[in-house]
């Protein structure tokens, strides 16, 4: 099940969290808490020079959104 029926500011913060983690590369499995009231757990794998986000669990207030094999987001590895 996938769902992107999220408030725009939540989705924006969600993607920014992904970018921040990838840019700092401090941890590829991380729980992110934000003041907008969501928790995000995901894993990131490198494939052919790009980082792809897989197996997402996004909890927003009392709702849980599962997003699996999410390939629309990738971060180019410039190393």
Protein backbone atom coordinates (compact mmCIF):
# COMPACT_ATOMS: atom_id res chain seq x y z
CA UNK A 1 0.00 0.00 0.00
CA UNK A 2 1.30 3.43 -0.88
CA UNK A 3 -0.15 6.75 0.09
CA UNK A 4 0.95 10.27 -0.65
CA UNK A 5 -2.23 11.93 0.58
CA UNK A 6 -0.16 13.92 3.03
CA UNK A 7 -0.16 17.62 3.82
CA UNK A 8 2.29 19.42 1.55
CA UNK A 9 4.48 20.63 4.42
CA UNK A 10 4.75 17.09 5.76
CA UNK A 11 5.82 15.66 2.42
CA UNK A 12 8.33 18.49 1.93
CA UNK A 13 9.89 17.88 5.34
CA UNK A 14 9.89 14.15 4.64
CA UNK A 15 11.93 14.53 1.46
CA UNK A 16 14.26 17.06 3.08
CA UNK A 17 14.97 14.55 5.84
CA UNK A 18 15.94 11.98 3.21
CA UNK A 19 18.26 14.44 1.48
CA UNK A 20 19.86 15.55 4.76
CA UNK A 21 20.63 11.99 5.80
CA UNK A 22 22.06 11.09 2.41
CA UNK A 23 24.20 14.21 2.20
CA UNK A 24 25.69 13.68 5.63
CA UNK A 25 25.94 9.92 5.15
CA UNK A 26 26.14 9.42 8.89
CA UNK A 27 23.66 6.59 8.97
CA UNK A 28 21.62 4.74 6.39
CA UNK A 29 19.07 3.43 8.84
CA UNK A 30 17.72 6.13 11.01
CA UNK A 31 14.66 7.22 12.86
CA UNK A 32 13.81 10.84 12.20
CA UNK A 33 11.57 12.82 14.48
CA UNK A 34 10.26 16.22 13.52
CA UNK A 35 8.31 18.99 15.21
CA UNK A 36 5.51 18.46 12.69
CA UNK A 37 4.69 15.20 14.44
CA UNK A 38 5.91 12.36 12.31
CA UNK A 39 8.44 9.61 12.58
CA UNK A 40 10.21 8.13 9.62
CA UNK A 41 12.16 4.91 9.43
CA UNK A 42 13.79 3.78 6.22
CA UNK A 43 16.78 2.12 4.72
CA UNK A 44 18.93 3.40 1.89
CA UNK A 45 20.88 1.28 -0.55
CA UNK A 46 23.40 2.27 -3.16
CA UNK A 47 22.86 0.91 -6.65
CA UNK A 48 24.92 1.87 -9.69
CA UNK A 49 26.06 5.19 -8.29
CA UNK A 50 22.69 6.30 -6.96
CA UNK A 51 21.15 6.03 -3.53
CA UNK A 52 17.64 4.64 -3.49
CA UNK A 53 15.21 4.74 -0.61
CA UNK A 54 13.59 1.42 0.16
CA UNK A 55 11.14 0.09 2.72
CA UNK A 56 9.68 3.20 4.25
CA UNK A 57 7.50 3.47 7.28
CA UNK A 58 6.02 6.89 7.89
CA UNK A 59 3.92 7.47 10.98
CA UNK A 60 1.90 10.65 11.07
CA UNK A 61 -0.14 11.21 14.19
CA UNK A 62 -2.43 8.17 14.40
CA UNK A 63 -2.00 7.13 10.78
CA UNK A 64 0.68 4.88 9.34
CA UNK A 65 1.76 5.09 5.72
CA UNK A 66 3.77 2.28 4.20
CA UNK A 67 5.82 2.96 1.09
CA UNK A 68 7.86 0.12 -0.33
CA UNK A 69 10.43 0.11 -3.12
CA UNK A 70 10.25 3.84 -3.51
CA UNK A 71 12.30 4.60 -6.60
CA UNK A 72 11.02 8.04 -7.50
CA UNK A 73 13.63 9.50 -5.18
CA UNK A 74 17.31 8.95 -5.77
CA UNK A 75 20.39 10.89 -4.85
CA UNK A 76 23.33 10.83 -7.21
CA UNK A 77 26.58 9.75 -5.66
CA UNK A 78 29.23 12.23 -6.77
CA UNK A 79 32.14 10.46 -5.14
